[in-house]
Amino acid sequence: DECRLSATACYQHSIALAPQYPQAHEHLLELLHTTGQRQEVVAVAQGLLEHFPEHQRALEVLADDAFRQGRWDEAVACQERAVQGRPHDTYLTARLSFYRLGLARMRAQQGQFDAARAILEAELAQETAPECYHIVCRQAAVELKAGQRQRGEDLFTQACKMAPSRLVAVFQMLVEAIRMP
């Protein structure tokens, strides 16, 4: 029928008529997300931010897209904005930590060791879990990559003492060595 419109077209029409209301944007975003239309989801999220600059879900979508594209700085920036709106949301803060740790690894791979160290120190200071050996392992990997062998070994020894078992720390260090050649 020529009279029937798709749900996507209806939401797009609603947005065109009244862009100042977030509901049509949000419903379209979730519909596209559900149907796996990633590029369209990103476009809707960007449009949402034009009208609602601190929209949580739009920021999450853009952070995730930036992560998938390897744009770690952008992923961190979007996720930081999302966390500001819901600072006690453990999912959002865990994703932010994940993006920051990835950014630190990228900085180390680029030879920006001071920047990587600063990010890891900040993450270590914010870590609330009793076991933060995984961050110390990352610090050790950065030091080894920077040519600071003794500092790297000292940090790895510290991580082994913090980890539930030495095997867990060795595994984490192996993962870091593979990811940060």
C-alpha atoms as a PDB file:
ATOM      1  CA  ASP A   1       0.000   0.000   0.000  1.00  0.00           C
ATOM      2  CA  GLU A   2       1.112   3.527  -0.720  1.00  0.00           C
ATOM      3  CA  CYS A   3      -0.562   4.663   2.502  1.00  0.00           C
ATOM      4  CA  ARG A   4       1.494   2.480   4.786  1.00  0.00           C
ATOM      5  CA  LEU A   5       4.759   3.875   6.075  1.00  0.00           C
ATOM      6  CA  SER A   6       7.503   1.923   7.758  1.00  0.00           C
ATOM      7  CA  ALA A   7       8.159   2.529  11.432  1.00  0.00           C
ATOM      8  CA  THR A   8      11.493   4.067  10.465  1.00  0.00           C
ATOM      9  CA  ALA A   9       9.798   6.515   8.091  1.00  0.00           C
ATOM     10  CA  CYS A  10       7.203   7.408  10.739  1.00  0.00           C
ATOM     11  CA  TYR A  11       9.872   8.199  13.306  1.00  0.00           C
ATOM     12  CA  GLN A  12      11.893  10.177  10.764  1.00  0.00           C
ATOM     13  CA  HIS A  13       8.767  12.152   9.868  1.00  0.00           C
ATOM     14  CA  SER A  14       8.036  12.781  13.558  1.00  0.00           C
ATOM     15  CA  ILE A  15      11.582  14.047  14.046  1.00  0.00           C
ATOM     16  CA  ALA A  16      11.261  16.353  11.056  1.00  0.00           C
ATOM     17  CA  LEU A  17       8.013  17.776  12.411  1.00  0.00           C
ATOM     18  CA  ALA A  18       9.089  18.162  16.038  1.00  0.00           C
ATOM     19  CA  PRO A  19      12.854  17.749  16.517  1.00  0.00           C
ATOM     20  CA  GLN A  20      12.683  19.375  19.967  1.00  0.00           C
ATOM     21  CA  TYR A  21      11.040  16.262  21.457  1.00  0.00           C
ATOM     22  CA  PRO A  22      13.466  13.436  22.245  1.00  0.00           C
ATOM     23  CA  GLN A  23      11.036  10.495  22.137  1.00  0.00           C
ATOM     24  CA  ALA A  24      10.935  10.034  18.348  1.00  0.00           C
ATOM     25  CA  HIS A  25      14.735  10.286  18.183  1.00  0.00           C
ATOM     26  CA  GLU A  26      15.083   7.701  20.969  1.00  0.00           C
ATOM     27  CA  HIS A  27      12.588   5.272  19.466  1.00  0.00           C
ATOM     28  CA  LEU A  28      14.229   5.515  16.047  1.00  0.00           C
ATOM     29  CA  LEU A  29      17.652   4.984  17.584  1.00  0.00           C
ATOM     30  CA  GLU A  30      16.511   1.832  19.385  1.00  0.00           C
ATOM     31  CA  LEU A  31      14.626   0.516  16.347  1.00  0.00           C
ATOM     32  CA  LEU A  32      17.700   0.895  14.163  1.00  0.00           C
ATOM     33  CA  HIS A  33      19.888  -0.592  16.878  1.00  0.00           C
ATOM     34  CA  THR A  34      17.584  -3.600  17.177  1.00  0.00           C
ATOM     35  CA  THR A  35      17.661  -4.156  13.423  1.00  0.00           C
ATOM     36  CA  GLY A  36      21.458  -3.884  13.331  1.00  0.00           C
ATOM     37  CA  GLN A  37      21.726  -0.768  11.195  1.00  0.00           C
ATOM     38  CA  ARG A  38      24.872   0.595  12.824  1.00  0.00           C
ATOM     39  CA  GLN A  39      25.602   3.487  10.454  1.00  0.00           C
ATOM     40  CA  GLU A  40      22.043   4.734  10.745  1.00  0.00           C
ATOM     41  CA  VAL A  41      22.172   4.402  14.549  1.00  0.00           C
ATOM     42  CA  VAL A  42      25.273   6.590  14.599  1.00  0.00           C
ATOM     43  CA  ALA A  43      23.612   9.172  12.351  1.00  0.00           C
ATOM     44  CA  VAL A  44      20.527   9.301  14.596  1.00  0.00           C
ATOM     45  CA  ALA A  45      22.753   9.598  17.698  1.00  0.00           C
ATOM     46  CA  GLN A  46      24.598  12.514  16.116  1.00  0.00           C
ATOM     47  CA  GLY A  47      21.270  14.164  15.301  1.00  0.00           C
ATOM     48  CA  LEU A  48      20.094  13.598  18.860  1.00  0.00           C
ATOM     49  CA  LEU A  49      23.167  15.387  20.195  1.00  0.00           C
ATOM     50  CA  GLU A  50      22.458  18.380  17.957  1.00  0.00           C
ATOM     51  CA  HIS A  51      19.198  18.897  19.833  1.00  0.00           C
ATOM     52  CA  PHE A  52      20.152  17.336  23.184  1.00  0.00           C
ATOM     53  CA  PRO A  53      23.934  17.771  23.654  1.00  0.00           C
ATOM     54  CA  GLU A  54      24.154  15.613  26.775  1.00  0.00           C
ATOM     55  CA  HIS A  55      21.806  12.792  25.766  1.00  0.00           C
ATOM     56  CA  GLN A  56      23.132   9.699  27.559  1.00  0.00           C
ATOM     57  CA  ARG A  57      22.197   7.016  25.058  1.00  0.00           C
ATOM     58  CA  ALA A  58      23.438   9.038  22.090  1.00  0.00           C
ATOM     59  CA  LEU A  59      26.772   9.586  23.824  1.00  0.00           C
ATOM     60  CA  GLU A  60      27.049   5.849  24.563  1.00  0.00           C
ATOM     61  CA  VAL A  61      26.357   4.999  20.923  1.00  0.00           C
ATOM     62  CA  LEU A  62      28.965   7.463  19.679  1.00  0.00           C
ATOM     63  CA  ALA A  63      31.528   6.254  22.223  1.00  0.00           C
ATOM     64  CA  ASP A  64      30.973   2.671  21.123  1.00  0.00           C
ATOM     65  CA  ASP A  65      31.233   3.627  17.456  1.00  0.00           C
ATOM     66  CA  ALA A  66      34.465   5.540  18.084  1.00  0.00           C
ATOM     67  CA  PHE A  67      35.840   2.501  19.940  1.00  0.00           C
ATOM     68  CA  ARG A  68      34.953   0.199  17.025  1.00  0.00           C
ATOM     69  CA  GLN A  69      36.741   2.584  14.668  1.00  0.00           C
ATOM     70  CA  GLY A  70      39.851   2.768  16.878  1.00  0.00           C
ATOM     71  CA  ARG A  71      39.287   6.421  17.772  1.00  0.00           C
ATOM     72  CA  TRP A  72      40.100   5.991  21.465  1.00  0.00           C
ATOM     73  CA  ASP A  73      40.294   9.714  22.298  1.00  0.00           C
ATOM     74  CA  GLU A  74      36.796  10.260  20.954  1.00  0.00           C
ATOM     75  CA  ALA A  75      35.467   7.155  22.710  1.00  0.00           C
ATOM     76  CA  VAL A  76      36.827   8.409  26.031  1.00  0.00           C
ATOM     77  CA  ALA A  77      35.468  11.929  25.495  1.00  0.00           C
ATOM     78  CA  CYS A  78      31.941  10.720  24.656  1.00  0.00           C
ATOM     79  CA  GLN A  79      31.888   8.202  27.488  1.00  0.00           C
ATOM     80  CA  GLU A  80      33.115  10.816  29.990  1.00  0.00           C
ATOM     81  CA  ARG A  81      30.187  13.016  29.014  1.00  0.00           C
ATOM     82  CA  ALA A  82      27.795  10.081  29.403  1.00  0.00           C
ATOM     83  CA  VAL A  83      29.182   9.287  32.852  1.00  0.00           C
ATOM     84  CA  GLN A  84      28.723  12.895  33.991  1.00  0.00           C
ATOM     85  CA  GLY A  85      24.980  12.433  33.665  1.00  0.00           C
ATOM     86  CA  ARG A  86      24.937   9.124  35.567  1.00  0.00           C
ATOM     87  CA  PRO A  87      28.136   8.910  37.640  1.00  0.00           C
ATOM     88  CA  HIS A  88      26.912   5.954  39.709  1.00  0.00           C
ATOM     89  CA  ASP A  89      25.999   3.784  36.734  1.00  0.00           C
ATOM     90  CA  THR A  90      28.514   0.952  36.977  1.00  0.00           C
ATOM     91  CA  TYR A  91      28.058  -0.057  33.334  1.00  0.00           C
ATOM     92  CA  LEU A  92      28.917   3.435  32.114  1.00  0.00           C
ATOM     93  CA  THR A  93      31.907   3.784  34.435  1.00  0.00           C
ATOM     94  CA  ALA A  94      33.208   0.322  33.488  1.00  0.00           C
ATOM     95  CA  ARG A  95      33.008   1.217  29.789  1.00  0.00           C
ATOM     96  CA  LEU A  96      34.837   4.484  30.489  1.00  0.00           C
ATOM     97  CA  SER A  97      37.588   2.586  32.279  1.00  0.00           C
ATOM     98  CA  PHE A  98      37.809   0.129  29.374  1.00  0.00           C
ATOM     99  CA  TYR A  99      38.168   2.974  26.862  1.00  0.00           C
ATOM    100  CA  ARG A 100      40.780   4.748  28.996  1.00  0.00           C
ATOM    101  CA  LEU A 101      42.845   1.569  29.335  1.00  0.00           C
ATOM    102  CA  GLY A 102      42.687   1.150  25.569  1.00  0.00           C
ATOM    103  CA  LEU A 103      43.774   4.754  25.109  1.00  0.00           C
ATOM    104  CA  ALA A 104      46.732   4.169  27.431  1.00  0.00           C
ATOM    105  CA  ARG A 105      47.786   1.135  25.378  1.00  0.00           C
ATOM    106  CA  MET A 106      47.516   3.161  22.164  1.00  0.00           C
ATOM    107  CA  ARG A 107      49.603   5.987  23.651  1.00  0.00           C
ATOM    108  CA  ALA A 108      52.307   3.501  24.660  1.00  0.00           C
ATOM    109  CA  GLN A 109      52.294   1.965  21.178  1.00  0.00           C
ATOM    110  CA  GLN A 110      52.759   5.469  19.779  1.00  0.00           C
ATOM    111  CA  GLY A 111      55.729   6.021  22.082  1.00  0.00           C
ATOM    112  CA  GLN A 112      53.841   8.538  24.241  1.00  0.00           C
ATOM    113  CA  PHE A 113      54.858   6.838  27.467  1.00  0.00           C
ATOM    114  CA  ASP A 114      54.240   9.776  29.810  1.00  0.00           C
ATOM    115  CA  ALA A 115      50.671  10.097  28.518  1.00  0.00           C
ATOM    116  CA  ALA A 116      50.124   6.343  28.937  1.00  0.00           C
ATOM    117  CA  ARG A 117      51.538   6.467  32.467  1.00  0.00           C
ATOM    118  CA  ALA A 118      49.279   9.377  33.412  1.00  0.00           C
ATOM    119  CA  ILE A 119      46.170   7.598  32.163  1.00  0.00           C
ATOM    120  CA  LEU A 120      47.075   4.407  34.023  1.00  0.00           C
ATOM    121  CA  GLU A 121      47.860   6.281  37.247  1.00  0.00           C
ATOM    122  CA  ALA A 122      44.484   8.031  37.044  1.00  0.00           C
ATOM    123  CA  GLU A 123      42.729   4.690  36.470  1.00  0.00           C
ATOM    124  CA  LEU A 124      44.579   3.128  39.376  1.00  0.00           C
ATOM    125  CA  ALA A 125      43.555   6.032  41.628  1.00  0.00           C
ATOM    126  CA  GLN A 126      39.891   5.617  40.626  1.00  0.00           C
ATOM    127  CA  GLU A 127      39.786   1.819  40.868  1.00  0.00           C
ATOM    128  CA  THR A 128      37.415   0.738  43.593  1.00  0.00           C
ATOM    129  CA  ALA A 129      37.846  -3.023  43.271  1.00  0.00           C
ATOM    130  CA  PRO A 130      40.283  -4.576  45.732  1.00  0.00           C
ATOM    131  CA  GLU A 131      42.081  -6.325  42.874  1.00  0.00           C
ATOM    132  CA  CYS A 132      43.675  -3.784  40.583  1.00  0.00           C
ATOM    133  CA  TYR A 133      46.538  -6.007  39.475  1.00  0.00           C
ATOM    134  CA  HIS A 134      45.351  -5.789  35.860  1.00  0.00           C
ATOM    135  CA  ILE A 135      46.122  -2.061  35.805  1.00  0.00           C
ATOM    136  CA  VAL A 136      49.519  -2.632  37.414  1.00  0.00           C
ATOM    137  CA  CYS A 137      50.233  -5.264  34.733  1.00  0.00           C
ATOM    138  CA  ARG A 138      49.425  -2.653  32.103  1.00  0.00           C
ATOM    139  CA  GLN A 139      51.776  -0.242  33.852  1.00  0.00           C
ATOM    140  CA  ALA A 140      54.485  -2.915  33.769  1.00  0.00           C
ATOM    141  CA  ALA A 141      53.893  -3.467  30.053  1.00  0.00           C
ATOM    142  CA  VAL A 142      54.186   0.271  29.375  1.00  0.00           C
ATOM    143  CA  GLU A 143      57.475   0.438  31.277  1.00  0.00           C
ATOM    144  CA  LEU A 144      58.868  -2.554  29.422  1.00  0.00           C
ATOM    145  CA  LYS A 145      57.792  -1.017  26.114  1.00  0.00           C
ATOM    146  CA  ALA A 146      59.461   2.256  27.194  1.00  0.00           C
ATOM    147  CA  GLY A 147      62.720   0.389  27.833  1.00  0.00           C
ATOM    148  CA  GLN A 148      62.424   0.708  31.616  1.00  0.00           C
ATOM    149  CA  ARG A 149      63.083  -2.974  32.292  1.00  0.00           C
ATOM    150  CA  GLN A 150      63.685  -2.765  36.043  1.00  0.00           C
ATOM    151  CA  ARG A 151      60.626  -0.575  36.646  1.00  0.00           C
ATOM    152  CA  GLY A 152      58.535  -2.962  34.536  1.00  0.00           C
ATOM    153  CA  GLU A 153      59.748  -5.985  36.465  1.00  0.00           C
ATOM    154  CA  ASP A 154      59.107  -4.251  39.793  1.00  0.00           C
ATOM    155  CA  LEU A 155      55.559  -3.425  38.753  1.00  0.00           C
ATOM    156  CA  PHE A 156      54.990  -6.973  37.564  1.00  0.00           C
ATOM    157  CA  THR A 157      56.207  -8.299  40.934  1.00  0.00           C
ATOM    158  CA  GLN A 158      53.790  -5.909  42.631  1.00  0.00           C
ATOM    159  CA  ALA A 159      50.960  -7.127  40.383  1.00  0.00           C
ATOM    160  CA  CYS A 160      51.752 -10.744  41.263  1.00  0.00           C
ATOM    161  CA  LYS A 161      51.386  -9.904  44.950  1.00  0.00           C
ATOM    162  CA  MET A 162      48.045  -8.170  44.325  1.00  0.00           C
ATOM    163  CA  ALA A 163      46.518 -10.813  42.051  1.00  0.00           C
ATOM    164  CA  PRO A 164      44.466 -13.722  43.384  1.00  0.00           C
ATOM    165  CA  SER A 165      47.276 -15.971  42.140  1.00  0.00           C
ATOM    166  CA  ARG A 166      50.552 -15.569  40.335  1.00  0.00           C
ATOM    167  CA  LEU A 167      49.113 -17.464  37.377  1.00  0.00           C
ATOM    168  CA  VAL A 168      46.405 -14.817  36.936  1.00  0.00           C
ATOM    169  CA  ALA A 169      49.009 -12.042  36.875  1.00  0.00           C
ATOM    170  CA  VAL A 170      51.215 -13.983  34.446  1.00  0.00           C
ATOM    171  CA  PHE A 171      48.229 -14.487  32.152  1.00  0.00           C
ATOM    172  CA  GLN A 172      47.346 -10.771  32.305  1.00  0.00           C
ATOM    173  CA  MET A 173      50.951  -9.850  31.541  1.00  0.00           C
ATOM    174  CA  LEU A 174      50.962 -12.257  28.602  1.00  0.00           C
ATOM    175  CA  VAL A 175      47.818 -10.609  27.270  1.00  0.00           C
ATOM    176  CA  GLU A 176      49.451  -7.181  27.588  1.00  0.00           C
ATOM    177  CA  ALA A 177      52.608  -8.389  25.838  1.00  0.00           C
ATOM    178  CA  ILE A 178      50.536  -9.665  22.931  1.00  0.00           C
ATOM    179  CA  ARG A 179      48.415  -6.548  22.684  1.00  0.00           C
ATOM    180  CA  MET A 180      51.337  -4.132  23.028  1.00  0.00           C
ATOM    181  CA  PRO A 181      54.093  -5.527  20.803  1.00  0.00           C
END
